[in-house]
Amino acid sequence: MPVSGYLFGWLLQRVKDKKHFYLAFSPVLLAASIVYMIIGEYYDIGMFAPGENAYYHMLTYDAIACLALTLGLLGLYYAVAHILPHAFKRFFTYTSRNILAFYCIHWVFVRVIINVILYAVTGTQLLPVPYILLLAFAIEWATFAVILLYRKLQRKR
């Protein structure tokens, strides 16, 4: 996954017309990944297999489909970025510049909340979708708050 991101970044830096690049590749990548995911769901293979831990047993094809989906979505994000207000752009710029901190802190929250708190309280790691979305929103904003506090403390030093 990290190597594919590195290679995509290397390629993207050399593209002269990003709009044309995304317009050419995003629909193809999105369509291919969606078709694969429909097939995977229908046949219960890889990360689509039954059970709550199937995501952790993804096949190479699953990883390729996830990468295709991610790269395809970048084109969609590129298009949407041109119509977003400046405040949203600032937020996403800050997030991308601090992505390593977001990733590390986010996973600490996720592991503690899901494996310790949620399992201890409910006896399972499963939640209904509305609660998952609410929990994801809370974790993202808590992560953002911790990073802002950490950066503020760093500047004081």
Foldseek 3Di string as FASTA:
>chain_A
DVVVVVVVVVVVVPDPDVLVVLVVQLVVLQVVLVVVVVVCCVVCDQLNNDDDCSVVRHDPVNVSSVVSNVSSVVSVVVVVVVVDDPVVVVVVVVCVVCVVLLVVQLVVVVCCCQVPVVCVVPVHSDDPPVVVVVVSVVSNVVSVVVVVVVVVVVVVD
